[in-house]
Amino acid sequence: MYISETTMRVRYAETDRMNVVYHGNYAQYFEVGRVEAIRQAGISYKDLEDSGTILPVVEWNAKFLRPARYDDLLTVRTTLSEWPSDHRLRFRQEVFNAEGKLLTVGDVLLYFLRSETMEKTPMPKEMAEKLKPFFP
């Protein structure tokens, strides 16, 4: 199992008239969490794309438990609990406030695709090598 945490601060533009984070912004928070999780494992999304593999989101869901507000410091926990056995990569993501209260939970499913053909492909070897130590 691979777990990563990334922090970010809620910007004013991300809130609505109720002074809470607009729900659509969580897709971006989840993306930051995933990109940073992969970076912390020693892999760059940019390098994956430059080598011909893209990772489009094919499914995204979230459950909102508590609101986040302007200037809150958030922690996005990104978990890869299952080894990708084919072209699918599923992350579990959780957002916590500075007090450690769980605000939002969700799952994101991505596919490994060849950028030139848009055909499904297994996880790139370089990525597998970096993640393998977390899956005994």
C-alpha atoms as a PDB file:
ATOM      1  CA  MET A   1       0.000   0.000   0.000  1.00  0.00           C
ATOM      2  CA  TYR A   2       1.295   3.436  -0.915  1.00  0.00           C
ATOM      3  CA  ILE A   3       0.146   6.531   1.036  1.00  0.00           C
ATOM      4  CA  SER A   4       1.093  10.144   0.419  1.00  0.00           C
ATOM      5  CA  GLU A   5       0.044  13.423   2.030  1.00  0.00           C
ATOM      6  CA  THR A   6       0.077  16.907   0.534  1.00  0.00           C
ATOM      7  CA  THR A   7      -1.021  20.184   2.094  1.00  0.00           C
ATOM      8  CA  MET A   8      -2.638  23.192   0.460  1.00  0.00           C
ATOM      9  CA  ARG A   9      -4.419  26.294   1.625  1.00  0.00           C
ATOM     10  CA  VAL A  10      -7.951  27.223   0.529  1.00  0.00           C
ATOM     11  CA  ARG A  11      -7.899  30.346  -1.632  1.00  0.00           C
ATOM     12  CA  TYR A  12     -10.674  32.928  -1.533  1.00  0.00           C
ATOM     13  CA  ALA A  13     -11.657  32.238  -5.153  1.00  0.00           C
ATOM     14  CA  GLU A  14     -12.380  28.589  -4.258  1.00  0.00           C
ATOM     15  CA  THR A  15     -15.218  29.494  -1.881  1.00  0.00           C
ATOM     16  CA  ASP A  16     -18.863  30.256  -2.594  1.00  0.00           C
ATOM     17  CA  ARG A  17     -21.385  32.667  -1.057  1.00  0.00           C
ATOM     18  CA  MET A  18     -21.734  30.355   1.933  1.00  0.00           C
ATOM     19  CA  ASN A  19     -17.989  30.849   2.598  1.00  0.00           C
ATOM     20  CA  VAL A  20     -17.261  27.172   2.013  1.00  0.00           C
ATOM     21  CA  VAL A  21     -15.179  25.503  -0.675  1.00  0.00           C
ATOM     22  CA  TYR A  22     -17.309  24.999  -3.772  1.00  0.00           C
ATOM     23  CA  HIS A  23     -17.681  21.261  -4.340  1.00  0.00           C
ATOM     24  CA  GLY A  24     -16.230  21.378  -7.867  1.00  0.00           C
ATOM     25  CA  ASN A  25     -12.869  22.463  -6.493  1.00  0.00           C
ATOM     26  CA  TYR A  26     -12.354  19.099  -4.821  1.00  0.00           C
ATOM     27  CA  ALA A  27     -11.601  17.563  -8.228  1.00  0.00           C
ATOM     28  CA  GLN A  28      -8.594  19.898  -8.380  1.00  0.00           C
ATOM     29  CA  TYR A  29      -7.606  19.150  -4.782  1.00  0.00           C
ATOM     30  CA  PHE A  30      -7.705  15.439  -5.585  1.00  0.00           C
ATOM     31  CA  GLU A  31      -5.594  16.054  -8.697  1.00  0.00           C
ATOM     32  CA  VAL A  32      -2.958  17.934  -6.692  1.00  0.00           C
ATOM     33  CA  GLY A  33      -2.913  15.035  -4.229  1.00  0.00           C
ATOM     34  CA  ARG A  34      -2.436  12.446  -6.989  1.00  0.00           C
ATOM     35  CA  VAL A  35       0.253  14.391  -8.854  1.00  0.00           C
ATOM     36  CA  GLU A  36       2.193  14.998  -5.644  1.00  0.00           C
ATOM     37  CA  ALA A  37       1.769  11.382  -4.522  1.00  0.00           C
ATOM     38  CA  ILE A  38       3.299  10.169  -7.756  1.00  0.00           C
ATOM     39  CA  ARG A  39       6.049  12.793  -7.512  1.00  0.00           C
ATOM     40  CA  GLN A  40       6.860  11.717  -3.926  1.00  0.00           C
ATOM     41  CA  ALA A  41       7.231   8.149  -5.212  1.00  0.00           C
ATOM     42  CA  GLY A  42       9.853   9.409  -7.659  1.00  0.00           C
ATOM     43  CA  ILE A  43       7.688   9.592 -10.785  1.00  0.00           C
ATOM     44  CA  SER A  44       6.737  12.669 -12.774  1.00  0.00           C
ATOM     45  CA  TYR A  45       3.367  12.964 -14.519  1.00  0.00           C
ATOM     46  CA  LYS A  46       5.144  15.103 -17.098  1.00  0.00           C
ATOM     47  CA  ASP A  47       7.746  12.389 -17.739  1.00  0.00           C
ATOM     48  CA  LEU A  48       4.986   9.774 -18.096  1.00  0.00           C
ATOM     49  CA  GLU A  49       3.227  11.940 -20.652  1.00  0.00           C
ATOM     50  CA  ASP A  50       6.472  12.746 -22.469  1.00  0.00           C
ATOM     51  CA  SER A  51       7.152   9.002 -22.754  1.00  0.00           C
ATOM     52  CA  GLY A  52       3.754   8.432 -24.383  1.00  0.00           C
ATOM     53  CA  THR A  53       1.540   7.350 -21.470  1.00  0.00           C
ATOM     54  CA  ILE A  54      -1.400   9.451 -20.329  1.00  0.00           C
ATOM     55  CA  LEU A  55      -3.666   8.943 -17.317  1.00  0.00           C
ATOM     56  CA  PRO A  56      -7.147  10.330 -17.962  1.00  0.00           C
ATOM     57  CA  VAL A  57      -9.707  10.278 -15.170  1.00  0.00           C
ATOM     58  CA  VAL A  58     -12.545   7.945 -16.149  1.00  0.00           C
ATOM     59  CA  GLU A  59     -14.440   7.976 -12.864  1.00  0.00           C
ATOM     60  CA  TRP A  60     -14.499  10.371  -9.930  1.00  0.00           C
ATOM     61  CA  ASN A  61     -16.691  10.458  -6.839  1.00  0.00           C
ATOM     62  CA  ALA A  62     -16.649  12.307  -3.558  1.00  0.00           C
ATOM     63  CA  LYS A  63     -18.626  12.461  -0.342  1.00  0.00           C
ATOM     64  CA  PHE A  64     -18.638  15.763   1.515  1.00  0.00           C
ATOM     65  CA  LEU A  65     -18.740  15.341   5.295  1.00  0.00           C
ATOM     66  CA  ARG A  66     -17.732  18.785   6.619  1.00  0.00           C
ATOM     67  CA  PRO A  67     -17.044  22.123   4.940  1.00  0.00           C
ATOM     68  CA  ALA A  68     -13.637  23.616   4.271  1.00  0.00           C
ATOM     69  CA  ARG A  69     -13.454  27.410   4.418  1.00  0.00           C
ATOM     70  CA  TYR A  70     -11.278  30.220   3.122  1.00  0.00           C
ATOM     71  CA  ASP A  71      -7.681  30.073   4.424  1.00  0.00           C
ATOM     72  CA  ASP A  72      -8.068  26.579   5.918  1.00  0.00           C
ATOM     73  CA  LEU A  73      -4.940  24.460   5.656  1.00  0.00           C
ATOM     74  CA  LEU A  74      -5.972  21.156   4.092  1.00  0.00           C
ATOM     75  CA  THR A  75      -4.167  17.840   3.934  1.00  0.00           C
ATOM     76  CA  VAL A  76      -4.981  15.580   1.016  1.00  0.00           C
ATOM     77  CA  ARG A  77      -4.158  11.941   1.753  1.00  0.00           C
ATOM     78  CA  THR A  78      -3.820   9.844  -1.383  1.00  0.00           C
ATOM     79  CA  THR A  79      -3.768   6.057  -1.081  1.00  0.00           C
ATOM     80  CA  LEU A  80      -2.992   3.418  -3.657  1.00  0.00           C
ATOM     81  CA  SER A  81      -4.128   0.267  -1.868  1.00  0.00           C
ATOM     82  CA  GLU A  82      -4.234  -2.151  -4.796  1.00  0.00           C
ATOM     83  CA  TRP A  83      -1.575  -2.930  -7.342  1.00  0.00           C
ATOM     84  CA  PRO A  84      -2.810  -2.058 -10.845  1.00  0.00           C
ATOM     85  CA  SER A  85      -3.233  -5.471 -12.467  1.00  0.00           C
ATOM     86  CA  ASP A  86      -4.135  -4.107 -15.883  1.00  0.00           C
ATOM     87  CA  HIS A  87      -4.691  -0.604 -17.315  1.00  0.00           C
ATOM     88  CA  ARG A  88      -6.635   0.686 -14.273  1.00  0.00           C
ATOM     89  CA  LEU A  89      -5.211   2.836 -11.484  1.00  0.00           C
ATOM     90  CA  ARG A  90      -7.535   3.603  -8.548  1.00  0.00           C
ATOM     91  CA  PHE A  91      -6.753   6.083  -5.795  1.00  0.00           C
ATOM     92  CA  ARG A  92      -8.618   6.625  -2.536  1.00  0.00           C
ATOM     93  CA  GLN A  93      -8.435  10.242  -1.425  1.00  0.00           C
ATOM     94  CA  GLU A  94      -9.275  11.963   1.840  1.00  0.00           C
ATOM     95  CA  VAL A  95      -9.192  15.650   2.751  1.00  0.00           C
ATOM     96  CA  PHE A  96      -8.548  16.717   6.360  1.00  0.00           C
ATOM     97  CA  ASN A  97      -8.513  20.141   8.004  1.00  0.00           C
ATOM     98  CA  ALA A  98      -5.687  21.395  10.258  1.00  0.00           C
ATOM     99  CA  GLU A  99      -7.417  19.867  13.292  1.00  0.00           C
ATOM    100  CA  GLY A 100      -7.310  16.447  11.621  1.00  0.00           C
ATOM    101  CA  LYS A 101     -11.063  16.275  11.000  1.00  0.00           C
ATOM    102  CA  LEU A 102     -12.071  14.351   7.902  1.00  0.00           C
ATOM    103  CA  LEU A 103     -13.864  16.692   5.480  1.00  0.00           C
ATOM    104  CA  THR A 104     -14.179  14.783   2.219  1.00  0.00           C
ATOM    105  CA  VAL A 105     -13.551  11.258   0.927  1.00  0.00           C
ATOM    106  CA  GLY A 106     -13.502   9.974  -2.600  1.00  0.00           C
ATOM    107  CA  ASP A 107     -12.163   7.622  -5.227  1.00  0.00           C
ATOM    108  CA  VAL A 108     -10.618   8.341  -8.589  1.00  0.00           C
ATOM    109  CA  LEU A 109     -10.175   5.802 -11.363  1.00  0.00           C
ATOM    110  CA  LEU A 110      -7.651   6.524 -14.115  1.00  0.00           C
ATOM    111  CA  TYR A 111      -6.639   4.475 -17.150  1.00  0.00           C
ATOM    112  CA  PHE A 112      -3.157   4.070 -18.537  1.00  0.00           C
ATOM    113  CA  LEU A 113      -3.445   4.947 -22.232  1.00  0.00           C
ATOM    114  CA  ARG A 114      -0.948   5.298 -25.062  1.00  0.00           C
ATOM    115  CA  SER A 115      -1.171   8.963 -26.043  1.00  0.00           C
ATOM    116  CA  GLU A 116      -0.793   8.332 -29.785  1.00  0.00           C
ATOM    117  CA  THR A 117      -3.527   5.691 -30.086  1.00  0.00           C
ATOM    118  CA  MET A 118      -5.658   6.249 -26.959  1.00  0.00           C
ATOM    119  CA  GLU A 119      -5.498   2.478 -26.418  1.00  0.00           C
ATOM    120  CA  LYS A 120      -5.291   0.931 -22.959  1.00  0.00           C
ATOM    121  CA  THR A 121      -1.828  -0.113 -21.839  1.00  0.00           C
ATOM    122  CA  PRO A 122      -0.320  -1.599 -18.664  1.00  0.00           C
ATOM    123  CA  MET A 123       1.426   0.573 -16.098  1.00  0.00           C
ATOM    124  CA  PRO A 124       4.793   1.785 -17.441  1.00  0.00           C
ATOM    125  CA  LYS A 125       7.766  -0.234 -16.251  1.00  0.00           C
ATOM    126  CA  GLU A 126       9.448   2.826 -14.680  1.00  0.00           C
ATOM    127  CA  MET A 127       6.376   3.520 -12.560  1.00  0.00           C
ATOM    128  CA  ALA A 128       6.036  -0.130 -11.541  1.00  0.00           C
ATOM    129  CA  GLU A 129       9.643  -0.168 -10.366  1.00  0.00           C
ATOM    130  CA  LYS A 130       9.099   2.889  -8.135  1.00  0.00           C
ATOM    131  CA  LEU A 131       5.852   1.574  -6.599  1.00  0.00           C
ATOM    132  CA  LYS A 132       6.859  -2.101  -6.231  1.00  0.00           C
ATOM    133  CA  PRO A 133       8.549  -1.664  -2.798  1.00  0.00           C
ATOM    134  CA  PHE A 134       5.192  -0.588  -1.316  1.00  0.00           C
ATOM    135  CA  PHE A 135       3.461  -3.812  -2.425  1.00  0.00           C
ATOM    136  CA  PRO A 136       5.256  -6.840  -0.950  1.00  0.00           C
END
